[in-house]
């Protein structure tokens, strides 16, 4: 039976408490020599955590979250927590660090991930306008007055059961995760994905390819181990927090730190007493927000809008042929043009009317 490693013993070490340069440093456990093992989420920059029931996966998610809460004030770190099981992340409800209440609905989770993609793109535009390379340089430039805007917090997104999301909205979830993991690091956005079903239909290649840091607990088979670690080993672990940490080419075996529920609540209750929740949006707002963003986030929206106004005609068929896209995408683009009153509603078989001039269009595009 693996020996219990108390979370408090790992986080109360000066390696953790006195390291102020790495706000996203988290405590994981101890290695076979008894050395405390920490990892920095900014260097991860995204993580996959997998293991069978009672292997220690959920405890690991908790030690990561509590580590982050101990190190960061709400204006330094924001969290999006996705918990389709409705039990694992309950202790974190109503924290001031949350962007939105803990998400338990799988479809809502897919919508939240789309919002994260949009936030990532918005941050990159802000960097470009302020001659900043990444979140760190932007926040430093704000202090010196060479950038304009508000301080950007890090955003950590935690999904505690990817399988539930993939069962409901596989394509949307897969697309959002691929986009976030391929380019969100510099924007200060990091993704941690946990699953107890590390099969290839859940942890697809497109999801895994840009997640270099893997944490494997005991799994049922060699095949599952290969899905997580690209090799054997996890099927031979002992359970109860016995884990393998893979960072790049480095593989470390360690015993994960254990944190009981009452200690989690001690931390979260203390934080809740300091400040009320300060959500960026409630769940209903999120649905509306993403619907608008989704309709106009297609990179072809502006070129299509300009083409339609220039030609003074609009049809799905023409957009399909001119821009070499499928029917569904062309239809969504036309609906977005209608929403912005660039073209009229469809009336039977009549052609849609173009409602704006090029000057009016530029004003619409500038304000959206």
Foldseek 3Di string as FASTA:
>chain_A
DDDAFALCVQCVDCVNVVPLVQLQKFWWFAFPVRHTDIDGCLQLVEEEEEAAPQQCRLQRVLRSVLSNLVRDDLQAEAEAAEALVPPSCVLQAFFQRYQEGHHNDLVLVLLVLLVVLVLLVVLVVQCVVQVHQALVRQQVCVVVVSGDDDRDHAYEYEHAAQPVNCVPPVVSNLVSLLSCLVPRSRHNYYYYYYHHDLACSRLPPSNPVSRQKYKATAHCDQRSVCSGPVGGDNVPHDGNQFIWIGRHPDITTGRTHGDDPVNSNVSSVVSCVVDGHDHNDYSVVSVVVSVLCVLQVPPCLVVVLLVCQVVQFDDLVVCCVVVVDDSVVSVSSVVNCCVLVQWDDDDPPDTIGGDDHPVVVVVSVVPD
